[in-house]
Amino acid sequence: MASRPAEQRGDARQLAARLDAEGVRNVALTWVDNAGIARVKAIPAQRLVQAAERGVGMSPVFDVFTSEDQISVSEHLGGPDGDLRLFPDLDRVTTLAAQPGWAWAPADRYDQLGVPHPACQRQFARRMTERAAAAGLDLRAGFETEWVVTRAPAGPPPAAADAYEALDYPCAGPAYGMTRVVELSDYLRDVSEALAVQGVEVLQLHPEYAPGQFEVTTAPGDPVRAADDVVLVRETIRAISQRHGLRASFAPSVVAGEVGNGCHLHLSLHREGESLHRAADAEWGLAPEAQAFLAGILGALPALLAIGCPSPASYLRLQPSHWAGVYQCWGVENREAALRLITGAPDDPDGGHAEVKTFDAAANPYLAVGTVIAAGLHGIETGASLPAPTVGDPGVLGVRERARRGIIRLPSTLGEATDRLEKSAPLSEALGEVLFGAVLAVRRAEDARFAESDAEEIAAATRWRW
């Protein structure tokens, strides 16, 4: 493969020298597979120059890995053949505050001739961001990350599929209660401090609803960077938890029947520096392009669920009247709507944005931002329009009333969502044949794996995968 430009090699040398001065000995190069698992190849920091110039080898088979490390097969991917090269994004190399001697960088994937790998999810997200930019749109994205923390077991951890695993929560305070902050103040301080040192801007950090559950919200930015931040946030929380004798789970359903972990995507549109959520005299403050963009997302939600809710465990979380957004509707500041319009303070020029509430942390964040952008752009291209916003909880309406208002239930199983994705021409075109086929293969394999499992078995088997 041809080497990288001399300028990049020079940047890598300077970066490697800086890492050496900081005591960094290893760099973790991560990519996220289609099951939402962050995979890694680590290199000695002194080999960063070589990695930046010629990449690090890895098999393309990981594109069809399931969350349990089983290998599915698509038309283009699967089996022992082939090789790819991981190239670290030098602009994102980060010294890890909770893992002394380590740094991290997200990686893009190419073949041995330097051609972008067609199933590289990070490059897919970048292509969609660039497609939006070509239309004059500046998109900003951010995520809410929810997790449940328990005390780590004293001995060997229980089997992953132990449905009767006893979870020992380190806090007993009520949902959203200050008591939890007091109980785990050292832990939360260390999480906040580590993220700040690593350059991740935190907007909020607070207890959530379920036992032992917390949430961190990061600042909006470029969609690819926002997806990078999700990976960095999760692994930082995981590392801090371990240092405190705790264990973090980002799984959609930690305990069957209880509120699960979401990973809500926030998105705003701008043109020439002006927010399209602050259009004077426009209905809901949305410029026509913003309305069409959000209508595109709303229309694609049944298919998008197979991207943002990619595990059978995801559908244990998606329950009516749980603020998870299980009906295909939108609303102004409505936390039961799948697509929530957040107006923000009237005098805040950047306060308005939208939130996709259905997504969870089993999702590949690069696929999540990329497909949402693709759906929104399709809405603009087709002149889609938003229906009337939903007020209140659609779950308490009768079936006939929901039908009268045009509110339908989103897919309630992974199989159903995958069927909708398979039929989505806009998302198929955006993802491309190779990536689209790999995503479908993994979803079908996950669905088949748990076809005979009950809710407790699904939650137990997936509890520590994310």
Protein backbone atom coordinates (compact mmCIF):
# COMPACT_ATOMS: atom_id res chain seq x y z
CA MET A 1 0.00 0.00 0.00
CA ALA A 2 1.23 3.50 -0.77
CA SER A 3 2.55 5.40 2.23
CA ARG A 4 0.81 8.40 3.72
CA PRO A 5 1.90 11.97 2.90
CA ALA A 6 5.12 13.19 4.47
CA GLU A 7 3.22 15.88 6.39
CA GLN A 8 1.15 13.24 8.19
CA ARG A 9 4.25 11.21 8.98
CA GLY A 10 5.77 14.34 10.48
CA ASP A 11 2.66 14.91 12.58
CA ALA A 12 2.84 11.31 13.78
CA ARG A 13 6.47 11.72 14.82
CA GLN A 14 5.68 14.84 16.85
CA LEU A 15 2.70 13.10 18.41
CA ALA A 16 4.72 10.00 19.28
CA ALA A 17 7.34 12.20 20.97
CA ARG A 18 4.63 13.95 22.98
CA LEU A 19 3.13 10.63 24.07
CA ASP A 20 6.55 9.38 25.12
CA ALA A 21 7.06 12.50 27.23
CA GLU A 22 3.68 11.87 28.87
CA GLY A 23 4.66 8.30 29.74
CA VAL A 24 2.30 6.70 27.22
CA ARG A 25 3.49 3.25 26.19
CA ASN A 26 0.53 1.89 24.22
CA VAL A 27 -2.15 3.29 21.93
CA ALA A 28 -5.53 1.57 21.60
CA LEU A 29 -6.93 1.87 18.05
CA THR A 30 -10.66 1.24 18.13
CA TRP A 31 -13.43 0.69 15.64
CA VAL A 32 -17.03 -0.22 16.42
CA ASP A 33 -18.56 -3.24 14.74
CA ASN A 34 -22.14 -3.62 13.53
CA ALA A 35 -23.19 -5.18 16.84
CA GLY A 36 -22.05 -2.05 18.67
CA ILE A 37 -18.96 -3.61 20.24
CA ALA A 38 -15.82 -1.47 20.34
CA ARG A 39 -13.06 -3.70 18.95
CA VAL A 40 -9.39 -2.83 19.34
CA LYS A 41 -5.87 -3.31 18.08
CA ALA A 42 -3.22 -1.86 20.41
CA ILE A 43 0.22 -0.76 19.29
CA PRO A 44 3.31 0.44 21.18
CA ALA A 45 3.28 4.23 21.16
CA GLN A 46 6.69 4.20 19.48
CA ARG A 47 5.07 2.54 16.45
CA LEU A 48 2.53 5.31 15.92
CA VAL A 49 4.51 6.65 12.96
CA GLN A 50 4.41 3.29 11.20
CA ALA A 51 0.69 2.90 11.98
CA ALA A 52 -0.05 6.35 10.55
CA GLU A 53 1.97 5.57 7.44
CA ARG A 54 0.94 2.01 6.60
CA GLY A 55 -1.88 1.15 8.98
CA VAL A 56 -2.38 -1.83 11.26
CA GLY A 57 -3.74 -5.09 9.91
CA MET A 58 -7.11 -6.54 10.86
CA SER A 59 -9.62 -8.92 9.32
CA PRO A 60 -12.80 -7.68 7.64
CA VAL A 61 -14.69 -10.53 9.32
CA PHE A 62 -15.43 -8.34 12.35
CA ASP A 63 -18.09 -6.57 10.29
CA VAL A 64 -20.26 -9.67 10.68
CA PHE A 65 -19.47 -10.44 14.34
CA THR A 66 -22.43 -10.58 16.69
CA SER A 67 -22.42 -9.15 20.21
CA GLU A 68 -21.56 -12.65 21.48
CA ASP A 69 -18.59 -12.97 19.09
CA GLN A 70 -20.33 -15.40 16.76
CA ILE A 71 -19.56 -14.93 13.07
CA SER A 72 -22.43 -14.41 10.67
CA VAL A 73 -22.05 -14.23 6.90
CA SER A 74 -23.20 -11.68 4.35
CA GLU A 75 -22.88 -11.76 0.58
CA HIS A 76 -19.61 -9.82 0.70
CA LEU A 77 -18.18 -10.45 4.17
CA GLY A 78 -17.44 -13.42 6.40
CA GLY A 79 -14.86 -16.15 6.54
CA PRO A 80 -11.06 -16.13 6.88
CA ASP A 81 -10.08 -14.27 3.71
CA GLY A 82 -8.97 -10.68 3.25
CA ASP A 83 -7.15 -8.01 5.20
CA LEU A 84 -7.73 -4.37 6.05
CA ARG A 85 -5.59 -1.59 7.45
CA LEU A 86 -6.52 0.50 10.48
CA PHE A 87 -5.35 4.11 10.29
CA PRO A 88 -5.52 6.14 13.51
CA ASP A 89 -7.08 9.57 13.33
CA LEU A 90 -4.14 11.59 14.60
CA ASP A 91 -6.37 14.54 15.46
CA ARG A 92 -8.22 12.39 17.98
CA VAL A 93 -5.28 10.70 19.74
CA THR A 94 -6.09 11.11 23.43
CA THR A 95 -4.05 10.25 26.50
CA LEU A 96 -6.34 8.23 28.77
CA ALA A 97 -6.72 9.71 32.23
CA ALA A 98 -8.02 6.50 33.80
CA GLN A 99 -5.53 4.13 32.17
CA PRO A 100 -1.98 5.28 32.95
CA GLY A 101 0.44 4.60 30.13
CA TRP A 102 -2.30 4.35 27.52
CA ALA A 103 -3.68 6.57 24.77
CA TRP A 104 -6.64 6.04 22.46
CA ALA A 105 -7.51 6.89 18.88
CA PRO A 106 -10.46 5.99 16.64
CA ALA A 107 -9.44 4.34 13.40
CA ASP A 108 -10.61 4.47 9.79
CA ARG A 109 -10.39 1.30 7.73
CA TYR A 110 -8.92 0.89 4.24
CA ASP A 111 -7.92 -2.01 2.07
CA GLN A 112 -4.27 -2.74 1.31
CA LEU A 113 -4.35 -0.48 -1.76
CA GLY A 114 -5.55 2.50 0.25
CA VAL A 115 -9.17 2.32 -0.92
CA PRO A 116 -11.70 3.10 1.82
CA HIS A 117 -13.30 -0.08 3.13
CA PRO A 118 -16.95 0.05 1.98
CA ALA A 119 -18.14 -1.24 5.37
CA CYS A 120 -16.17 1.28 7.47
CA GLN A 121 -18.85 2.77 9.69
CA ARG A 122 -16.80 5.81 10.69
CA GLN A 123 -16.19 6.78 7.08
CA PHE A 124 -19.88 6.23 6.38
CA ALA A 125 -20.75 8.79 9.07
CA ARG A 126 -18.22 11.18 7.54
CA ARG A 127 -19.70 10.70 4.04
CA MET A 128 -23.18 11.54 5.29
CA THR A 129 -21.87 14.60 7.13
CA GLU A 130 -20.14 15.71 3.93
CA ARG A 131 -23.29 15.03 1.93
CA ALA A 132 -25.17 17.37 4.25
CA ALA A 133 -22.39 19.97 3.96
CA ALA A 134 -22.63 19.77 0.17
CA ALA A 135 -26.27 20.78 0.56
CA GLY A 136 -25.17 23.75 2.66
CA LEU A 137 -26.14 22.21 6.00
CA ASP A 138 -23.93 22.27 9.07
CA LEU A 139 -25.01 19.50 11.44
CA ARG A 140 -24.17 19.32 15.12
CA ALA A 141 -24.72 16.18 17.16
CA GLY A 142 -24.37 15.06 20.75
CA PHE A 143 -25.32 12.03 22.82
CA GLU A 144 -26.72 11.23 26.22
CA THR A 145 -24.99 8.14 27.64
CA GLU A 146 -26.77 6.17 30.35
CA TRP A 147 -25.21 3.39 32.38
CA VAL A 148 -25.85 1.24 35.44
CA VAL A 149 -23.08 0.71 37.96
CA THR A 150 -22.82 -2.22 40.36
CA ARG A 151 -20.17 -3.45 42.76
CA ALA A 152 -17.77 -5.80 41.02
CA PRO A 153 -17.99 -9.38 42.32
CA ALA A 154 -15.27 -10.34 44.82
CA GLY A 155 -14.46 -13.56 43.00
CA PRO A 156 -14.66 -14.52 39.33
CA PRO A 157 -17.57 -12.75 37.59
CA PRO A 158 -20.68 -14.91 37.13
CA ALA A 159 -21.43 -16.54 33.81
CA ALA A 160 -22.73 -14.04 31.28
CA ALA A 161 -25.94 -16.00 30.81
CA ASP A 162 -26.76 -16.31 34.54
CA ALA A 163 -30.30 -14.97 34.64
CA TYR A 164 -30.23 -15.01 38.43
CA GLU A 165 -27.08 -12.95 38.91
CA ALA A 166 -27.49 -10.83 42.03
CA LEU A 167 -26.58 -7.23 41.28
CA ASP A 168 -25.05 -5.33 44.19
CA TYR A 169 -25.75 -1.63 43.68
CA PRO A 170 -23.33 0.79 45.39
CA CYS A 171 -26.01 3.39 46.00
CA ALA A 172 -29.52 3.30 47.41
CA GLY A 173 -30.72 6.82 46.72
CA PRO A 174 -33.93 7.57 44.79
CA ALA A 175 -34.16 8.28 41.08
CA TYR A 176 -32.53 11.62 40.20
CA GLY A 177 -31.82 12.03 43.91
CA MET A 178 -28.96 14.02 45.40
CA THR A 179 -28.47 11.07 47.74
CA ARG A 180 -26.88 9.09 44.91
CA VAL A 181 -24.45 11.91 44.20
CA VAL A 182 -23.46 11.97 47.88
CA GLU A 183 -23.08 8.18 47.97
CA LEU A 184 -20.86 8.09 44.89
CA SER A 185 -19.40 11.60 44.89
CA ASP A 186 -15.76 10.42 44.57
CA TYR A 187 -16.65 8.13 41.69
CA LEU A 188 -18.65 10.76 39.81
CA ARG A 189 -15.96 13.38 40.42
CA ASP A 190 -13.38 11.06 38.89
CA VAL A 191 -15.60 10.41 35.86
CA SER A 192 -16.12 14.13 35.33
CA GLU A 193 -12.45 14.95 35.84
CA ALA A 194 -11.21 12.23 33.49
CA LEU A 195 -13.54 13.35 30.71
CA ALA A 196 -12.46 16.97 31.15
CA VAL A 197 -8.76 16.05 31.02
CA GLN A 198 -9.44 14.10 27.83
CA GLY A 199 -11.08 17.09 26.17
CA VAL A 200 -14.68 15.86 26.36
CA GLU A 201 -17.02 18.70 27.31
CA VAL A 202 -19.72 17.55 29.71
CA LEU A 203 -23.04 19.37 29.80
CA GLN A 204 -24.74 17.32 32.51
CA LEU A 205 -23.91 14.43 34.88
CA HIS A 206 -26.70 13.12 37.11
CA PRO A 207 -28.50 10.09 38.54
CA GLU A 208 -31.14 8.47 36.36
CA TYR A 209 -34.29 6.44 37.05
CA ALA A 210 -33.20 2.79 37.47
CA PRO A 211 -31.21 1.48 40.46
CA GLY A 212 -27.53 2.40 40.14
CA GLN A 213 -28.20 4.33 36.93
CA PHE A 214 -26.50 7.56 35.85
CA GLU A 215 -26.33 9.71 32.73
CA VAL A 216 -23.73 11.96 31.17
CA THR A 217 -24.53 14.37 28.34
CA THR A 218 -21.73 15.64 26.13
CA ALA A 219 -21.58 18.87 24.16
CA PRO A 220 -22.69 18.92 20.51
CA GLY A 221 -20.21 19.09 17.67
CA ASP A 222 -19.31 17.54 14.35
CA PRO A 223 -21.30 14.27 14.04
CA VAL A 224 -18.22 12.10 13.57
CA ARG A 225 -16.54 13.66 16.57
CA ALA A 226 -19.74 13.18 18.58
CA ALA A 227 -19.67 9.47 17.75
CA ASP A 228 -15.99 9.30 18.69
CA ASP A 229 -16.85 10.92 22.01
CA VAL A 230 -19.44 8.23 22.77
CA VAL A 231 -16.76 5.54 22.45
CA LEU A 232 -14.33 7.51 24.59
CA VAL A 233 -16.97 8.29 27.23
CA ARG A 234 -18.01 4.65 27.60
CA GLU A 235 -14.49 3.31 27.92
CA THR A 236 -13.55 6.08 30.35
CA ILE A 237 -16.54 5.28 32.56
CA ARG A 238 -15.68 1.59 32.36
CA ALA A 239 -12.09 2.25 33.44
CA ILE A 240 -13.05 4.64 36.26
CA SER A 241 -15.62 2.12 37.49
CA GLN A 242 -13.03 -0.61 37.67
CA ARG A 243 -10.65 1.61 39.63
CA HIS A 244 -13.43 2.13 42.18
CA GLY A 245 -14.21 -1.58 42.46
CA LEU A 246 -17.34 -1.12 40.37
CA ARG A 247 -18.68 -2.50 37.12
CA ALA A 248 -20.49 -0.46 34.46
CA SER A 249 -23.15 -1.76 32.09
CA PHE A 250 -24.37 0.22 29.09
CA ALA A 251 -26.71 -2.59 27.97
CA PRO A 252 -30.23 -1.64 26.84
CA SER A 253 -31.74 -3.92 29.49
CA VAL A 254 -29.67 -4.59 32.60
CA VAL A 255 -32.56 -6.20 34.48
CA ALA A 256 -35.59 -7.40 32.55
CA GLY A 257 -38.70 -5.46 33.50
CA GLU A 258 -36.80 -2.41 34.75
CA VAL A 259 -35.99 0.83 32.95
CA GLY A 260 -33.02 0.29 30.64
CA ASN A 261 -30.13 2.34 29.31
CA GLY A 262 -30.72 4.67 26.40
CA CYS A 263 -28.25 6.61 24.29
CA HIS A 264 -30.33 9.47 22.92
CA LEU A 265 -29.06 11.30 19.86
CA HIS A 266 -29.40 15.09 19.75
CA LEU A 267 -29.11 16.87 16.41
CA SER A 268 -29.39 20.45 15.17
CA LEU A 269 -29.21 22.03 11.72
CA HIS A 270 -27.49 25.25 10.73
CA ARG A 271 -26.97 27.10 7.47
CA GLU A 272 -24.34 29.83 7.08
CA GLY A 273 -23.97 30.02 10.84
CA GLU A 274 -27.68 30.47 11.52
CA SER A 275 -29.77 27.90 13.38
CA LEU A 276 -32.64 26.44 11.36
CA HIS A 277 -34.43 25.91 14.68
CA ARG A 278 -34.76 29.66 15.21
CA ALA A 279 -36.71 30.73 12.13
CA ALA A 280 -38.74 33.83 12.87
CA ASP A 281 -42.51 33.43 12.39
CA ALA A 282 -42.08 29.77 11.33
CA GLU A 283 -44.26 27.10 12.85
CA TRP A 284 -42.47 25.56 15.87
CA GLY A 285 -39.55 27.85 15.05
CA LEU A 286 -38.41 25.42 12.34
CA ALA A 287 -37.24 26.62 8.95
CA PRO A 288 -38.79 24.63 6.06
CA GLU A 289 -35.58 22.64 5.60
CA ALA A 290 -35.51 21.70 9.26
CA GLN A 291 -39.14 20.60 9.13
CA ALA A 292 -38.48 18.41 6.10
CA PHE A 293 -35.30 17.00 7.67
CA LEU A 294 -37.11 16.01 10.86
CA ALA A 295 -40.03 14.63 8.84
CA GLY A 296 -37.54 12.42 7.00
CA ILE A 297 -36.25 11.07 10.31
CA LEU A 298 -39.77 10.52 11.61
CA GLY A 299 -40.78 8.62 8.47
CA ALA A 300 -37.70 6.41 8.62
CA LEU A 301 -37.94 5.56 12.33
CA PRO A 302 -39.26 1.99 11.86
CA ALA A 303 -36.18 1.17 9.75
CA LEU A 304 -33.84 3.27 11.91
CA LEU A 305 -34.76 1.12 14.91
CA ALA A 306 -32.68 -1.71 13.41
CA ILE A 307 -29.71 0.68 13.55
CA GLY A 308 -30.28 2.46 16.86
CA CYS A 309 -31.87 -0.48 18.71
CA PRO A 310 -29.80 -3.35 17.31
CA SER A 311 -30.20 -6.07 19.96
CA PRO A 312 -33.14 -8.18 21.10
CA ALA A 313 -32.39 -6.60 24.48
CA SER A 314 -33.23 -3.21 22.97
CA TYR A 315 -36.87 -4.20 22.69
CA LEU A 316 -37.05 -5.06 26.39
CA ARG A 317 -36.30 -1.37 26.99
CA LEU A 318 -38.78 -0.06 24.41
CA GLN A 319 -41.96 -0.10 26.49
CA PRO A 320 -44.86 2.37 26.38
CA SER A 321 -45.01 5.08 29.04
CA HIS A 322 -41.31 4.63 29.90
CA TRP A 323 -40.02 7.76 28.11
CA ALA A 324 -38.40 5.51 25.51
CA GLY A 325 -40.38 6.78 22.51
CA VAL A 326 -42.06 3.63 21.22
CA TYR A 327 -44.65 5.32 18.99
CA GLN A 328 -43.88 6.85 15.60
CA CYS A 329 -44.69 10.42 16.51
CA TRP A 330 -43.00 13.67 17.37
CA GLY A 331 -43.76 16.32 19.94
CA VAL A 332 -42.62 19.66 21.29
CA GLU A 333 -40.81 18.94 24.56
CA ASN A 334 -42.66 15.61 24.75
CA ARG A 335 -40.48 12.94 26.38
CA GLU A 336 -42.81 10.14 25.27
CA ALA A 337 -42.43 11.05 21.59
CA ALA A 338 -39.85 9.08 19.61
CA LEU A 339 -38.70 12.38 18.08
CA ARG A 340 -38.67 15.23 20.55
CA LEU A 341 -38.31 18.86 19.52
CA ILE A 342 -36.38 20.79 22.16
CA THR A 343 -37.08 24.48 21.85
CA GLY A 344 -34.59 25.83 24.38
CA ALA A 345 -34.72 29.30 25.88
CA PRO A 346 -36.10 31.90 23.44
CA ASP A 347 -32.99 34.09 23.80
CA ASP A 348 -30.56 31.21 23.17
CA PRO A 349 -29.62 31.34 19.46
CA ASP A 350 -28.36 27.73 19.54
CA GLY A 351 -30.87 26.32 22.02
CA GLY A 352 -33.18 24.54 19.61
CA HIS A 353 -32.53 20.99 18.46
CA ALA A 354 -34.16 17.57 18.08
CA GLU A 355 -33.71 14.38 20.07
CA VAL A 356 -34.09 10.79 18.83
CA LYS A 357 -35.18 9.07 22.05
CA THR A 358 -35.42 5.47 20.89
CA PHE A 359 -31.70 4.74 20.44
CA ASP A 360 -29.62 2.83 22.98
CA ALA A 361 -25.96 2.14 23.72
CA ALA A 362 -25.89 -1.16 21.82
CA ALA A 363 -25.96 0.94 18.66
CA ASN A 364 -22.85 1.70 16.66
CA PRO A 365 -22.78 5.51 17.09
CA TYR A 366 -21.30 6.07 13.63
CA LEU A 367 -24.15 4.12 12.03
CA ALA A 368 -26.61 6.01 14.23
CA VAL A 369 -25.52 9.51 13.18
CA GLY A 370 -24.95 8.51 9.56
CA THR A 371 -28.34 6.90 9.00
CA VAL A 372 -30.22 9.68 10.80
CA ILE A 373 -28.51 12.24 8.58
CA ALA A 374 -29.33 10.14 5.50
CA ALA A 375 -32.99 9.91 6.53
CA GLY A 376 -33.15 13.65 7.17
CA LEU A 377 -31.59 14.52 3.82
CA HIS A 378 -34.06 12.19 2.11
CA GLY A 379 -36.83 14.14 3.81
CA ILE A 380 -35.50 17.38 2.33
CA GLU A 381 -35.10 15.81 -1.12
CA THR A 382 -38.69 14.54 -1.13
CA GLY A 383 -40.27 17.59 0.49
CA ALA A 384 -41.50 15.63 3.51
CA SER A 385 -43.72 17.42 6.01
CA LEU A 386 -44.32 16.95 9.70
CA PRO A 387 -47.77 15.93 10.94
CA ALA A 388 -49.31 17.65 13.92
CA PRO A 389 -47.17 17.22 17.04
CA THR A 390 -48.30 14.74 19.67
CA VAL A 391 -49.21 16.14 23.07
CA GLY A 392 -49.13 13.86 26.10
CA ASP A 393 -48.44 10.15 26.34
CA PRO A 394 -49.70 8.27 23.28
CA GLY A 395 -49.53 5.07 25.31
CA VAL A 396 -52.58 6.06 27.35
CA LEU A 397 -54.71 6.66 24.26
CA GLY A 398 -56.96 3.91 23.01
CA VAL A 399 -56.05 1.98 19.87
CA ARG A 400 -58.76 3.73 17.86
CA GLU A 401 -57.69 7.18 19.03
CA ARG A 402 -54.06 6.49 18.10
CA ALA A 403 -55.21 5.26 14.70
CA ARG A 404 -57.34 8.38 14.23
CA ARG A 405 -54.28 10.54 14.95
CA GLY A 406 -52.03 8.46 12.71
CA ILE A 407 -49.83 7.32 15.61
CA ILE A 408 -48.51 3.80 15.13
CA ARG A 409 -46.38 1.56 17.32
CA LEU A 410 -42.78 1.27 16.21
CA PRO A 411 -41.43 -2.27 15.68
CA SER A 412 -41.53 -4.25 18.90
CA THR A 413 -38.96 -6.88 17.88
CA LEU A 414 -35.57 -6.82 16.22
CA GLY A 415 -36.88 -9.04 13.44
CA GLU A 416 -39.65 -6.60 12.60
CA ALA A 417 -37.27 -3.64 12.63
CA THR A 418 -34.80 -5.50 10.41
CA ASP A 419 -37.58 -6.23 7.93
CA ARG A 420 -38.30 -2.51 7.76
CA LEU A 421 -34.62 -1.69 7.30
CA GLU A 422 -34.27 -4.25 4.52
CA LYS A 423 -37.08 -2.51 2.62
CA SER A 424 -35.68 1.01 3.09
CA ALA A 425 -34.30 2.19 -0.24
CA PRO A 426 -32.91 5.50 1.14
CA LEU A 427 -30.93 3.78 3.89
CA SER A 428 -29.78 0.99 1.58
CA GLU A 429 -28.45 3.58 -0.88
CA ALA A 430 -26.76 5.60 1.85
CA LEU A 431 -25.07 2.64 3.53
CA GLY A 432 -23.99 1.00 0.30
CA GLU A 433 -24.34 -2.65 -0.65
CA VAL A 434 -21.48 -4.04 1.45
CA LEU A 435 -22.23 -2.24 4.72
CA PHE A 436 -25.99 -2.63 4.32
CA GLY A 437 -25.61 -6.39 3.80
CA ALA A 438 -23.31 -6.76 6.79
CA VAL A 439 -25.73 -4.90 9.08
CA LEU A 440 -28.63 -7.08 7.95
CA ALA A 441 -26.58 -10.27 8.47
CA VAL A 442 -25.69 -9.33 12.04
CA ARG A 443 -29.28 -8.32 12.87
CA ARG A 444 -30.68 -11.60 11.50
CA ALA A 445 -28.09 -13.58 13.46
CA GLU A 446 -28.85 -11.74 16.72
CA ASP A 447 -32.58 -12.22 16.19
CA ALA A 448 -32.17 -15.96 15.53
CA ARG A 449 -29.85 -16.42 18.51
CA PHE A 450 -32.47 -15.21 20.98
CA ALA A 451 -35.60 -16.42 19.20
CA GLU A 452 -36.39 -18.95 21.95
CA SER A 453 -35.11 -16.90 24.90
CA ASP A 454 -37.29 -15.18 27.47
CA ALA A 455 -36.73 -11.62 28.69
CA GLU A 456 -34.62 -12.63 31.69
CA GLU A 457 -32.36 -14.80 29.55
CA ILE A 458 -31.87 -12.03 26.98
CA ALA A 459 -31.02 -9.43 29.63
CA ALA A 460 -28.59 -11.78 31.38
CA ALA A 461 -26.80 -12.78 28.19
CA THR A 462 -26.31 -9.20 27.03
CA ARG A 463 -25.85 -7.42 30.39
CA TRP A 464 -22.07 -7.09 30.19
CA ARG A 465 -21.58 -7.02 26.41
CA TRP A 466 -21.78 -3.21 26.32
